[in-house]
Amino acid sequence: MEEVQVELLENELSAEDFVRLKVATGFMERPLEQVERALQNDLYHVAAVSEGKVIGMGRLVGDGAMYWYLQEIIVLPEYQGQEIGKRIVNKLLEHVRNTAIPGTWVEVGLTAVKGKEPFYEKFGFSLGSSGMKKWMEIV
């Protein structure tokens, strides 16, 4: 498989691309109006773009101070296995480190699709009774 060139764009994901990625990976289709509001209200999101096409995405939701949640970490199936998801998660966690209050600890949580837990464990997340989470010290 030829490695694709991917650029991560910050806060430029369209509602149409969001819906397309969700549907292409087997998730429920959402109304565009609902997705537009969700994107406006999230803390941060990235779009993975290759040759002008959005092939992946990831979002951060939460209060932006104590609690952060990874949402919609999605890479189209034909682009999986090329570390695009890893780059998306790293970019989201970098945003947490760069914007949370220095000298504090924050909780980052997520709900992994069944079977994907090992992917998130590589980032230090552990499975608990209410999904996966990790604590990050903000320096």
N, C-alpha and C. Protein backbone atom coordinates (compact mmCIF):
# COMPACT_ATOMS: atom_id res chain seq x y z
N MET A 1 0.85 -1.19 0.00
CA MET A 1 0.00 0.00 0.00
C MET A 1 0.89 1.24 0.00
N GLU A 2 0.61 2.12 -0.92
CA GLU A 2 1.38 3.37 -1.01
C GLU A 2 0.94 4.32 0.09
N GLU A 3 1.93 4.90 0.76
CA GLU A 3 1.62 5.84 1.84
C GLU A 3 1.10 7.14 1.25
N VAL A 4 0.00 7.62 1.81
CA VAL A 4 -0.60 8.86 1.32
C VAL A 4 -0.07 10.04 2.11
N GLN A 5 -0.02 11.18 1.47
CA GLN A 5 0.34 12.42 2.13
C GLN A 5 -0.92 12.99 2.76
N VAL A 6 -0.83 13.29 4.04
CA VAL A 6 -2.00 13.77 4.78
C VAL A 6 -1.64 15.05 5.53
N GLU A 7 -2.54 16.01 5.43
CA GLU A 7 -2.41 17.26 6.17
C GLU A 7 -3.54 17.31 7.20
N LEU A 8 -3.23 17.75 8.41
CA LEU A 8 -4.26 17.91 9.43
C LEU A 8 -4.66 19.38 9.51
N LEU A 9 -5.91 19.66 9.19
CA LEU A 9 -6.43 21.03 9.22
C LEU A 9 -7.21 21.23 10.51
N GLU A 10 -6.98 22.35 11.16
CA GLU A 10 -7.62 22.65 12.43
C GLU A 10 -8.91 23.43 12.22
N ASN A 11 -9.98 22.96 12.85
CA ASN A 11 -11.27 23.65 12.89
C ASN A 11 -11.79 24.05 11.51
N GLU A 12 -11.60 23.16 10.55
CA GLU A 12 -12.10 23.43 9.19
C GLU A 12 -12.97 22.30 8.65
N LEU A 13 -13.46 21.43 9.50
CA LEU A 13 -14.27 20.30 9.08
C LEU A 13 -15.68 20.78 8.72
N SER A 14 -16.17 20.37 7.58
CA SER A 14 -17.54 20.74 7.19
C SER A 14 -18.52 19.70 7.71
N ALA A 15 -19.75 20.13 7.87
CA ALA A 15 -20.80 19.21 8.31
C ALA A 15 -20.99 18.09 7.28
N GLU A 16 -20.87 18.43 6.01
CA GLU A 16 -21.04 17.43 4.96
C GLU A 16 -19.96 16.35 5.04
N ASP A 17 -18.71 16.75 5.26
CA ASP A 17 -17.63 15.77 5.39
C ASP A 17 -17.80 14.94 6.66
N PHE A 18 -18.22 15.57 7.74
CA PHE A 18 -18.49 14.86 8.98
C PHE A 18 -19.49 13.73 8.74
N VAL A 19 -20.62 14.06 8.13
CA VAL A 19 -21.67 13.07 7.87
C VAL A 19 -21.15 11.98 6.93
N ARG A 20 -20.43 12.36 5.90
CA ARG A 20 -19.90 11.39 4.94
C ARG A 20 -18.98 10.39 5.63
N LEU A 21 -18.09 10.87 6.50
CA LEU A 21 -17.17 9.98 7.21
C LEU A 21 -17.93 9.05 8.16
N LYS A 22 -18.89 9.59 8.90
CA LYS A 22 -19.67 8.76 9.83
C LYS A 22 -20.40 7.64 9.08
N VAL A 23 -21.09 8.00 8.01
CA VAL A 23 -21.86 7.01 7.26
C VAL A 23 -20.94 5.97 6.62
N ALA A 24 -19.81 6.42 6.09
CA ALA A 24 -18.86 5.50 5.42
C ALA A 24 -18.25 4.49 6.38
N THR A 25 -18.29 4.80 7.68
CA THR A 25 -17.71 3.88 8.67
C THR A 25 -18.79 3.20 9.51
N GLY A 26 -20.04 3.24 9.03
CA GLY A 26 -21.10 2.46 9.64
C GLY A 26 -21.85 3.12 10.78
N PHE A 27 -21.67 4.41 10.97
CA PHE A 27 -22.38 5.11 12.04
C PHE A 27 -23.65 5.76 11.49
N MET A 28 -24.51 6.16 12.39
CA MET A 28 -25.79 6.77 12.04
C MET A 28 -25.59 8.11 11.33
N GLU A 29 -26.39 8.35 10.32
CA GLU A 29 -26.37 9.65 9.64
C GLU A 29 -27.10 10.66 10.51
N ARG A 30 -26.52 11.84 10.61
CA ARG A 30 -27.11 12.91 11.42
C ARG A 30 -27.53 14.05 10.50
N PRO A 31 -28.56 14.82 10.90
CA PRO A 31 -28.97 15.98 10.10
C PRO A 31 -27.85 17.03 10.07
N LEU A 32 -27.67 17.67 8.93
CA LEU A 32 -26.61 18.67 8.77
C LEU A 32 -26.73 19.78 9.80
N GLU A 33 -27.93 20.24 10.09
CA GLU A 33 -28.11 21.33 11.06
C GLU A 33 -27.58 20.92 12.44
N GLN A 34 -27.83 19.67 12.83
CA GLN A 34 -27.35 19.18 14.12
C GLN A 34 -25.82 19.10 14.12
N VAL A 35 -25.24 18.62 13.04
CA VAL A 35 -23.78 18.50 12.94
C VAL A 35 -23.13 19.88 12.93
N GLU A 36 -23.71 20.82 12.20
CA GLU A 36 -23.15 22.18 12.18
C GLU A 36 -23.10 22.77 13.58
N ARG A 37 -24.15 22.60 14.36
CA ARG A 37 -24.17 23.13 15.72
C ARG A 37 -23.14 22.41 16.58
N ALA A 38 -23.04 21.09 16.42
CA ALA A 38 -22.05 20.31 17.18
C ALA A 38 -20.64 20.81 16.89
N LEU A 39 -20.32 21.05 15.63
CA LEU A 39 -18.99 21.52 15.27
C LEU A 39 -18.73 22.93 15.81
N GLN A 40 -19.76 23.78 15.82
CA GLN A 40 -19.61 25.13 16.37
C GLN A 40 -19.35 25.08 17.87
N ASN A 41 -19.92 24.09 18.55
CA ASN A 41 -19.86 24.03 20.00
C ASN A 41 -18.73 23.16 20.54
N ASP A 42 -18.00 22.46 19.66
CA ASP A 42 -16.91 21.65 20.20
C ASP A 42 -15.74 22.56 20.58
N LEU A 43 -14.77 21.99 21.26
CA LEU A 43 -13.61 22.75 21.69
C LEU A 43 -12.58 22.89 20.57
N TYR A 44 -12.53 21.87 19.73
CA TYR A 44 -11.47 21.81 18.72
C TYR A 44 -11.74 20.59 17.85
N HIS A 45 -11.41 20.68 16.58
CA HIS A 45 -11.49 19.50 15.74
C HIS A 45 -10.45 19.58 14.63
N VAL A 46 -10.11 18.41 14.11
CA VAL A 46 -9.16 18.33 13.01
C VAL A 46 -9.77 17.49 11.90
N ALA A 47 -9.35 17.82 10.68
CA ALA A 47 -9.72 17.05 9.50
C ALA A 47 -8.43 16.57 8.86
N ALA A 48 -8.37 15.27 8.57
CA ALA A 48 -7.23 14.71 7.85
C ALA A 48 -7.56 14.77 6.36
N VAL A 49 -6.73 15.49 5.61
CA VAL A 49 -7.01 15.73 4.20
C VAL A 49 -5.88 15.17 3.35
N SER A 50 -6.27 14.43 2.31
CA SER A 50 -5.31 13.89 1.35
C SER A 50 -5.82 14.19 -0.05
N GLU A 51 -5.01 14.85 -0.84
CA GLU A 51 -5.36 15.21 -2.22
C GLU A 51 -6.71 15.92 -2.29
N GLY A 52 -6.94 16.83 -1.34
CA GLY A 52 -8.16 17.64 -1.33
C GLY A 52 -9.38 16.95 -0.77
N LYS A 53 -9.26 15.71 -0.33
CA LYS A 53 -10.40 14.94 0.19
C LYS A 53 -10.22 14.71 1.68
N VAL A 54 -11.28 14.95 2.45
CA VAL A 54 -11.25 14.67 3.89
C VAL A 54 -11.39 13.16 4.06
N ILE A 55 -10.36 12.54 4.66
CA ILE A 55 -10.32 11.09 4.82
C ILE A 55 -10.39 10.66 6.29
N GLY A 56 -10.36 11.65 7.20
CA GLY A 56 -10.42 11.33 8.62
C GLY A 56 -10.74 12.57 9.42
N MET A 57 -11.07 12.35 10.69
CA MET A 57 -11.40 13.48 11.55
C MET A 57 -11.28 13.07 13.01
N GLY A 58 -11.29 14.08 13.87
CA GLY A 58 -11.32 13.87 15.30
C GLY A 58 -11.77 15.15 15.97
N ARG A 59 -12.49 15.01 17.09
CA ARG A 59 -13.01 16.18 17.79
C ARG A 59 -12.67 16.11 19.27
N LEU A 60 -12.62 17.28 19.90
CA LEU A 60 -12.52 17.42 21.35
C LEU A 60 -13.77 18.14 21.84
N VAL A 61 -14.43 17.56 22.82
CA VAL A 61 -15.56 18.21 23.47
C VAL A 61 -15.28 18.20 24.96
N GLY A 62 -16.01 19.01 25.70
CA GLY A 62 -15.82 19.07 27.15
C GLY A 62 -15.88 20.49 27.65
N ASP A 63 -15.33 20.70 28.86
CA ASP A 63 -15.39 22.03 29.44
C ASP A 63 -14.13 22.86 29.17
N GLY A 64 -13.12 22.25 28.58
CA GLY A 64 -11.91 22.99 28.24
C GLY A 64 -11.05 23.36 29.42
N ALA A 65 -11.33 22.77 30.57
CA ALA A 65 -10.55 23.09 31.77
C ALA A 65 -10.18 21.81 32.53
N MET A 66 -11.19 21.08 32.99
CA MET A 66 -10.93 19.85 33.75
C MET A 66 -11.19 18.59 32.95
N TYR A 67 -12.21 18.63 32.10
CA TYR A 67 -12.65 17.42 31.39
C TYR A 67 -12.64 17.63 29.88
N TRP A 68 -12.00 16.72 29.20
CA TRP A 68 -11.86 16.74 27.75
C TRP A 68 -12.25 15.35 27.25
N TYR A 69 -12.96 15.29 26.14
CA TYR A 69 -13.36 14.00 25.58
C TYR A 69 -13.04 13.95 24.10
N LEU A 70 -12.43 12.85 23.70
CA LEU A 70 -12.17 12.61 22.29
C LEU A 70 -13.45 12.03 21.68
N GLN A 71 -13.86 12.57 20.57
CA GLN A 71 -15.06 12.13 19.87
C GLN A 71 -14.76 11.95 18.39
N GLU A 72 -15.50 11.06 17.77
CA GLU A 72 -15.45 10.86 16.32
C GLU A 72 -14.02 10.78 15.77
N ILE A 73 -13.22 9.91 16.35
CA ILE A 73 -11.91 9.63 15.78
C ILE A 73 -12.18 8.62 14.66
N ILE A 74 -12.20 9.11 13.43
CA ILE A 74 -12.60 8.29 12.29
C ILE A 74 -11.59 8.46 11.17
N VAL A 75 -11.21 7.34 10.58
CA VAL A 75 -10.41 7.32 9.36
C VAL A 75 -11.11 6.37 8.40
N LEU A 76 -11.31 6.80 7.16
CA LEU A 76 -11.95 5.92 6.18
C LEU A 76 -11.20 4.59 6.11
N PRO A 77 -11.94 3.49 5.98
CA PRO A 77 -11.32 2.16 6.02
C PRO A 77 -10.15 1.98 5.05
N GLU A 78 -10.25 2.54 3.87
CA GLU A 78 -9.18 2.35 2.88
C GLU A 78 -7.90 3.11 3.23
N TYR A 79 -7.96 3.98 4.25
CA TYR A 79 -6.78 4.74 4.67
C TYR A 79 -6.28 4.31 6.06
N GLN A 80 -6.95 3.33 6.67
CA GLN A 80 -6.53 2.87 7.98
C GLN A 80 -5.22 2.10 7.89
N GLY A 81 -4.51 2.02 8.99
CA GLY A 81 -3.24 1.31 9.03
C GLY A 81 -2.06 2.14 8.55
N GLN A 82 -2.26 3.44 8.37
CA GLN A 82 -1.20 4.32 7.90
C GLN A 82 -0.86 5.40 8.93
N GLU A 83 -1.24 5.16 10.18
CA GLU A 83 -0.96 6.05 11.31
C GLU A 83 -1.68 7.40 11.23
N ILE A 84 -2.72 7.49 10.42
CA ILE A 84 -3.50 8.73 10.33
C ILE A 84 -4.27 8.93 11.63
N GLY A 85 -4.89 7.86 12.14
CA GLY A 85 -5.61 7.96 13.41
C GLY A 85 -4.68 8.35 14.54
N LYS A 86 -3.48 7.82 14.53
CA LYS A 86 -2.47 8.16 15.54
C LYS A 86 -2.15 9.65 15.47
N ARG A 87 -1.98 10.17 14.27
CA ARG A 87 -1.68 11.59 14.11
C ARG A 87 -2.84 12.45 14.60
N ILE A 88 -4.08 12.02 14.33
CA ILE A 88 -5.25 12.77 14.77
C ILE A 88 -5.30 12.82 16.29
N VAL A 89 -5.14 11.67 16.95
CA VAL A 89 -5.20 11.63 18.41
C VAL A 89 -4.07 12.46 19.00
N ASN A 90 -2.87 12.33 18.46
CA ASN A 90 -1.75 13.14 18.96
C ASN A 90 -2.02 14.63 18.83
N LYS A 91 -2.63 15.04 17.73
CA LYS A 91 -2.94 16.46 17.51
C LYS A 91 -3.99 16.93 18.54
N LEU A 92 -4.98 16.10 18.83
CA LEU A 92 -5.99 16.46 19.81
C LEU A 92 -5.37 16.57 21.21
N LEU A 93 -4.53 15.61 21.56
CA LEU A 93 -3.88 15.65 22.88
C LEU A 93 -2.91 16.82 22.99
N GLU A 94 -2.26 17.17 21.89
CA GLU A 94 -1.39 18.34 21.88
C GLU A 94 -2.19 19.61 22.15
N HIS A 95 -3.39 19.67 21.58
CA HIS A 95 -4.26 20.83 21.83
C HIS A 95 -4.62 20.93 23.31
N VAL A 96 -4.91 19.79 23.93
CA VAL A 96 -5.21 19.79 25.37
C VAL A 96 -4.01 20.34 26.13
N ARG A 97 -2.82 19.81 25.84
CA ARG A 97 -1.60 20.27 26.54
C ARG A 97 -1.36 21.76 26.35
N ASN A 98 -1.65 22.27 25.16
CA ASN A 98 -1.36 23.67 24.84
C ASN A 98 -2.41 24.66 25.33
N THR A 99 -3.61 24.18 25.67
CA THR A 99 -4.67 25.12 26.03
C THR A 99 -5.20 24.95 27.45
N ALA A 100 -4.93 23.82 28.09
CA ALA A 100 -5.38 23.64 29.48
C ALA A 100 -4.53 24.53 30.40
N ILE A 101 -4.98 24.73 31.60
CA ILE A 101 -4.33 25.63 32.55
C ILE A 101 -3.05 24.99 33.08
N PRO A 102 -1.90 25.66 32.90
CA PRO A 102 -0.63 25.11 33.39
C PRO A 102 -0.68 24.85 34.90
N GLY A 103 -0.02 23.79 35.32
CA GLY A 103 0.04 23.45 36.73
C GLY A 103 -1.16 22.66 37.23
N THR A 104 -2.00 22.17 36.30
CA THR A 104 -3.18 21.40 36.69
C THR A 104 -3.12 20.00 36.09
N TRP A 105 -4.00 19.14 36.58
CA TRP A 105 -4.21 17.83 36.00
C TRP A 105 -5.57 17.85 35.32
N VAL A 106 -5.67 17.22 34.15
CA VAL A 106 -6.95 17.14 33.44
C VAL A 106 -7.25 15.68 33.14
N GLU A 107 -8.53 15.39 33.02
CA GLU A 107 -8.98 14.06 32.64
C GLU A 107 -9.41 14.09 31.19
N VAL A 108 -8.87 13.17 30.40
CA VAL A 108 -9.26 13.03 29.00
C VAL A 108 -9.94 11.68 28.86
N GLY A 109 -11.16 11.70 28.36
CA GLY A 109 -11.92 10.47 28.24
C GLY A 109 -12.35 10.20 26.81
N LEU A 110 -12.86 9.00 26.58
CA LEU A 110 -13.37 8.61 25.28
C LEU A 110 -14.16 7.33 25.43
N THR A 111 -15.00 7.06 24.46
CA THR A 111 -15.68 5.78 24.36
C THR A 111 -15.18 5.14 23.08
N ALA A 112 -14.47 4.04 23.21
CA ALA A 112 -13.89 3.36 22.05
C ALA A 112 -14.89 2.38 21.44
N VAL A 113 -14.87 2.28 20.13
CA VAL A 113 -15.63 1.24 19.46
C VAL A 113 -15.06 -0.10 19.93
N LYS A 114 -15.95 -1.05 20.19
CA LYS A 114 -15.51 -2.35 20.68
C LYS A 114 -14.40 -2.92 19.79
N GLY A 115 -13.31 -3.30 20.41
CA GLY A 115 -12.17 -3.85 19.68
C GLY A 115 -11.08 -2.85 19.39
N LYS A 116 -11.38 -1.56 19.54
CA LYS A 116 -10.39 -0.51 19.27
C LYS A 116 -9.66 -0.05 20.53
N GLU A 117 -9.97 -0.64 21.67
CA GLU A 117 -9.35 -0.23 22.93
C GLU A 117 -7.81 -0.29 22.88
N PRO A 118 -7.22 -1.33 22.28
CA PRO A 118 -5.75 -1.38 22.23
C PRO A 118 -5.12 -0.18 21.52
N PHE A 119 -5.80 0.37 20.54
CA PHE A 119 -5.30 1.56 19.85
C PHE A 119 -5.13 2.71 20.84
N TYR A 120 -6.13 2.93 21.69
CA TYR A 120 -6.10 4.04 22.64
C TYR A 120 -5.18 3.76 23.82
N GLU A 121 -5.00 2.49 24.16
CA GLU A 121 -4.09 2.14 25.25
C GLU A 121 -2.66 2.58 24.92
N LYS A 122 -2.31 2.62 23.65
CA LYS A 122 -0.98 3.07 23.22
C LYS A 122 -0.72 4.54 23.59
N PHE A 123 -1.80 5.29 23.82
CA PHE A 123 -1.69 6.70 24.20
C PHE A 123 -1.79 6.89 25.71
N GLY A 124 -1.90 5.79 26.45
CA GLY A 124 -1.99 5.87 27.90
C GLY A 124 -3.39 5.83 28.46
N PHE A 125 -4.39 5.58 27.62
CA PHE A 125 -5.76 5.45 28.10
C PHE A 125 -5.95 4.07 28.70
N SER A 126 -6.78 4.00 29.75
CA SER A 126 -7.10 2.70 30.33
C SER A 126 -8.62 2.56 30.41
N LEU A 127 -9.06 1.33 30.31
CA LEU A 127 -10.49 1.03 30.29
C LEU A 127 -11.02 0.97 31.71
N GLY A 128 -12.08 1.70 31.95
CA GLY A 128 -12.74 1.68 33.25
C GLY A 128 -14.22 1.39 33.08
N SER A 129 -14.98 1.57 34.12
CA SER A 129 -16.41 1.26 34.07
C SER A 129 -17.19 2.27 33.23
N SER A 130 -16.61 3.45 33.01
CA SER A 130 -17.32 4.48 32.24
C SER A 130 -16.54 4.88 31.00
N GLY A 131 -15.99 3.92 30.29
CA GLY A 131 -15.24 4.20 29.07
C GLY A 131 -13.75 4.21 29.35
N MET A 132 -13.01 4.84 28.48
CA MET A 132 -11.56 4.91 28.63
C MET A 132 -11.18 6.32 29.07
N LYS A 133 -10.11 6.40 29.87
CA LYS A 133 -9.66 7.73 30.27
C LYS A 133 -8.17 7.70 30.60
N LYS A 134 -7.62 8.89 30.64
CA LYS A 134 -6.24 9.09 31.09
C LYS A 134 -6.16 10.44 31.78
N TRP A 135 -5.21 10.54 32.70
CA TRP A 135 -4.94 11.80 33.38
C TRP A 135 -3.69 12.40 32.75
N MET A 136 -3.73 13.71 32.52
CA MET A 136 -2.60 14.42 31.94
C MET A 136 -2.21 15.57 32.86
N GLU A 137 -0.92 15.66 33.17
CA GLU A 137 -0.42 16.80 33.91
C GLU A 137 -0.08 17.89 32.91
N ILE A 138 -0.59 19.07 33.15
CA ILE A 138 -0.34 20.20 32.25
C ILE A 138 0.78 21.03 32.87
N VAL A 139 1.88 21.11 32.16
CA VAL A 139 3.05 21.84 32.70
C VAL A 139 3.22 23.17 32.02
